[in-house]
């Protein structure tokens, strides 16, 4: 029985040293990661800028298409197509203006 307690004490010492060593390593790893985070975030920021630019360009195309569709529907006095075109115009404006909205929000 006494041997088991002795083994338990030794295991307790080993585990406490292992836990402390792990904590030290994790804190050092956090410092390294914090100092080097720009290498990770820069490509993500570039990707975010690219995706927002693509969404804005598609929004301009949708806006132009729906403006022309609205003009044709107005000329033909087709109210359902005018309604659909107006919804498309609103969607195009929202997509085209997404970059400015996100910059205002701080993204």
C-alpha atoms as a PDB file:
ATOM      1  CA  UNK A   1       0.000   0.000   0.000  1.00  0.00           C
ATOM      2  CA  UNK A   2       2.845   2.335   0.856  1.00  0.00           C
ATOM      3  CA  UNK A   3       4.450   1.655  -2.549  1.00  0.00           C
ATOM      4  CA  UNK A   4       1.284   2.815  -4.244  1.00  0.00           C
ATOM      5  CA  UNK A   5       1.278   6.102  -2.325  1.00  0.00           C
ATOM      6  CA  UNK A   6       4.939   6.622  -3.205  1.00  0.00           C
ATOM      7  CA  UNK A   7       4.175   6.022  -6.905  1.00  0.00           C
ATOM      8  CA  UNK A   8       1.253   8.402  -6.653  1.00  0.00           C
ATOM      9  CA  UNK A   9       3.495  11.118  -5.144  1.00  0.00           C
ATOM     10  CA  UNK A  10       6.058  10.630  -7.910  1.00  0.00           C
ATOM     11  CA  UNK A  11       3.365  10.713 -10.568  1.00  0.00           C
ATOM     12  CA  UNK A  12       1.946  13.873  -8.992  1.00  0.00           C
ATOM     13  CA  UNK A  13       5.363  15.574  -9.193  1.00  0.00           C
ATOM     14  CA  UNK A  14       5.865  14.503 -12.797  1.00  0.00           C
ATOM     15  CA  UNK A  15       2.383  15.682 -13.797  1.00  0.00           C
ATOM     16  CA  UNK A  16       2.824  19.063 -12.108  1.00  0.00           C
ATOM     17  CA  UNK A  17       6.128  19.595 -13.935  1.00  0.00           C
ATOM     18  CA  UNK A  18       4.502  18.564 -17.233  1.00  0.00           C
ATOM     19  CA  UNK A  19       1.565  20.916 -16.709  1.00  0.00           C
ATOM     20  CA  UNK A  20       3.870  23.816 -15.859  1.00  0.00           C
ATOM     21  CA  UNK A  21       6.062  23.114 -18.896  1.00  0.00           C
ATOM     22  CA  UNK A  22       3.003  22.977 -21.117  1.00  0.00           C
ATOM     23  CA  UNK A  23       1.733  26.277 -19.738  1.00  0.00           C
ATOM     24  CA  UNK A  24       5.090  27.939 -20.375  1.00  0.00           C
ATOM     25  CA  UNK A  25       5.203  26.586 -23.939  1.00  0.00           C
ATOM     26  CA  UNK A  26       1.660  27.762 -24.629  1.00  0.00           C
ATOM     27  CA  UNK A  27       2.433  31.270 -23.396  1.00  0.00           C
ATOM     28  CA  UNK A  28       5.556  31.432 -25.555  1.00  0.00           C
ATOM     29  CA  UNK A  29       3.605  30.106 -28.522  1.00  0.00           C
ATOM     30  CA  UNK A  30       0.961  32.783 -27.973  1.00  0.00           C
ATOM     31  CA  UNK A  31       3.651  35.466 -28.012  1.00  0.00           C
ATOM     32  CA  UNK A  32       5.077  34.133 -31.252  1.00  0.00           C
ATOM     33  CA  UNK A  33       1.653  33.892 -32.842  1.00  0.00           C
ATOM     34  CA  UNK A  34       0.726  37.410 -31.772  1.00  0.00           C
ATOM     35  CA  UNK A  35       3.932  38.831 -33.177  1.00  0.00           C
ATOM     36  CA  UNK A  36       3.557  36.980 -36.475  1.00  0.00           C
ATOM     37  CA  UNK A  37      -0.189  37.355 -37.033  1.00  0.00           C
ATOM     38  CA  UNK A  38       0.237  39.833 -39.885  1.00  0.00           C
ATOM     39  CA  UNK A  39       1.568  37.055 -42.095  1.00  0.00           C
ATOM     40  CA  UNK A  40      -1.719  35.224 -41.550  1.00  0.00           C
ATOM     41  CA  UNK A  41      -4.111  38.159 -41.681  1.00  0.00           C
ATOM     42  CA  UNK A  42      -2.638  39.885 -44.743  1.00  0.00           C
ATOM     43  CA  UNK A  43      -3.714  37.193 -47.240  1.00  0.00           C
ATOM     44  CA  UNK A  44      -7.130  37.031 -45.567  1.00  0.00           C
ATOM     45  CA  UNK A  45      -7.519  40.793 -45.869  1.00  0.00           C
ATOM     46  CA  UNK A  46      -6.513  40.588 -49.529  1.00  0.00           C
ATOM     47  CA  UNK A  47      -9.086  37.837 -50.082  1.00  0.00           C
ATOM     48  CA  UNK A  48     -11.751  39.874 -48.302  1.00  0.00           C
ATOM     49  CA  UNK A  49     -10.961  42.889 -50.504  1.00  0.00           C
ATOM     50  CA  UNK A  50     -11.133  40.744 -53.639  1.00  0.00           C
ATOM     51  CA  UNK A  51     -14.476  39.168 -52.698  1.00  0.00           C
ATOM     52  CA  UNK A  52     -15.987  42.560 -51.856  1.00  0.00           C
ATOM     53  CA  UNK A  53     -14.740  43.990 -55.168  1.00  0.00           C
ATOM     54  CA  UNK A  54     -16.257  41.063 -57.084  1.00  0.00           C
ATOM     55  CA  UNK A  55     -19.586  41.499 -55.294  1.00  0.00           C
ATOM     56  CA  UNK A  56     -19.531  45.221 -56.104  1.00  0.00           C
ATOM     57  CA  UNK A  57     -18.792  44.573 -59.782  1.00  0.00           C
ATOM     58  CA  UNK A  58     -21.594  42.013 -60.040  1.00  0.00           C
ATOM     59  CA  UNK A  59     -23.889  44.525 -58.331  1.00  0.00           C
ATOM     60  CA  UNK A  60     -23.113  47.154 -60.979  1.00  0.00           C
ATOM     61  CA  UNK A  61     -23.897  44.640 -63.736  1.00  0.00           C
ATOM     62  CA  UNK A  62     -27.195  43.656 -62.067  1.00  0.00           C
ATOM     63  CA  UNK A  63     -28.048  47.314 -61.581  1.00  0.00           C
ATOM     64  CA  UNK A  64     -27.437  48.157 -65.256  1.00  0.00           C
ATOM     65  CA  UNK A  65     -29.432  45.122 -66.445  1.00  0.00           C
ATOM     66  CA  UNK A  66     -32.420  45.966 -64.261  1.00  0.00           C
ATOM     67  CA  UNK A  67     -32.392  49.646 -65.200  1.00  0.00           C
ATOM     68  CA  UNK A  68     -32.657  48.622 -68.859  1.00  0.00           C
ATOM     69  CA  UNK A  69     -35.361  46.084 -67.973  1.00  0.00           C
ATOM     70  CA  UNK A  70     -37.284  48.743 -66.068  1.00  0.00           C
ATOM     71  CA  UNK A  71     -37.076  51.134 -69.018  1.00  0.00           C
ATOM     72  CA  UNK A  72     -38.442  48.483 -71.378  1.00  0.00           C
ATOM     73  CA  UNK A  73     -41.213  47.565 -68.932  1.00  0.00           C
ATOM     74  CA  UNK A  74     -42.130  51.237 -68.485  1.00  0.00           C
ATOM     75  CA  UNK A  75     -42.331  51.698 -72.227  1.00  0.00           C
ATOM     76  CA  UNK A  76     -44.578  48.622 -72.521  1.00  0.00           C
ATOM     77  CA  UNK A  77     -46.597  49.607 -69.410  1.00  0.00           C
ATOM     78  CA  UNK A  78     -45.969  46.169 -67.884  1.00  0.00           C
ATOM     79  CA  UNK A  79     -46.432  46.658 -64.154  1.00  0.00           C
ATOM     80  CA  UNK A  80     -45.302  43.199 -63.025  1.00  0.00           C
ATOM     81  CA  UNK A  81     -42.013  43.477 -64.941  1.00  0.00           C
ATOM     82  CA  UNK A  82     -41.532  47.021 -63.589  1.00  0.00           C
ATOM     83  CA  UNK A  83     -41.993  45.682 -60.062  1.00  0.00           C
ATOM     84  CA  UNK A  84     -39.486  42.895 -60.682  1.00  0.00           C
ATOM     85  CA  UNK A  85     -37.004  45.336 -62.245  1.00  0.00           C
ATOM     86  CA  UNK A  86     -37.296  47.706 -59.281  1.00  0.00           C
ATOM     87  CA  UNK A  87     -36.471  44.851 -56.917  1.00  0.00           C
ATOM     88  CA  UNK A  88     -33.452  44.039 -59.081  1.00  0.00           C
ATOM     89  CA  UNK A  89     -32.370  47.691 -59.031  1.00  0.00           C
ATOM     90  CA  UNK A  90     -32.512  47.730 -55.236  1.00  0.00           C
ATOM     91  CA  UNK A  91     -30.514  44.497 -55.076  1.00  0.00           C
ATOM     92  CA  UNK A  92     -27.945  45.885 -57.532  1.00  0.00           C
ATOM     93  CA  UNK A  93     -27.551  49.082 -55.517  1.00  0.00           C
ATOM     94  CA  UNK A  94     -27.090  47.049 -52.347  1.00  0.00           C
ATOM     95  CA  UNK A  95     -24.442  44.853 -53.955  1.00  0.00           C
ATOM     96  CA  UNK A  96     -22.668  47.776 -55.611  1.00  0.00           C
ATOM     97  CA  UNK A  97     -22.575  49.728 -52.344  1.00  0.00           C
ATOM     98  CA  UNK A  98     -21.441  46.845 -50.139  1.00  0.00           C
ATOM     99  CA  UNK A  99     -17.828  48.030 -49.981  1.00  0.00           C
ATOM    100  CA  UNK A 100     -18.740  51.486 -48.751  1.00  0.00           C
ATOM    101  CA  UNK A 101     -21.188  50.071 -46.194  1.00  0.00           C
ATOM    102  CA  UNK A 102     -18.561  47.678 -44.865  1.00  0.00           C
ATOM    103  CA  UNK A 103     -15.951  50.428 -44.659  1.00  0.00           C
ATOM    104  CA  UNK A 104     -18.387  52.579 -42.670  1.00  0.00           C
ATOM    105  CA  UNK A 105     -18.998  49.652 -40.318  1.00  0.00           C
ATOM    106  CA  UNK A 106     -15.264  49.176 -39.879  1.00  0.00           C
ATOM    107  CA  UNK A 107     -14.721  45.927 -41.726  1.00  0.00           C
END
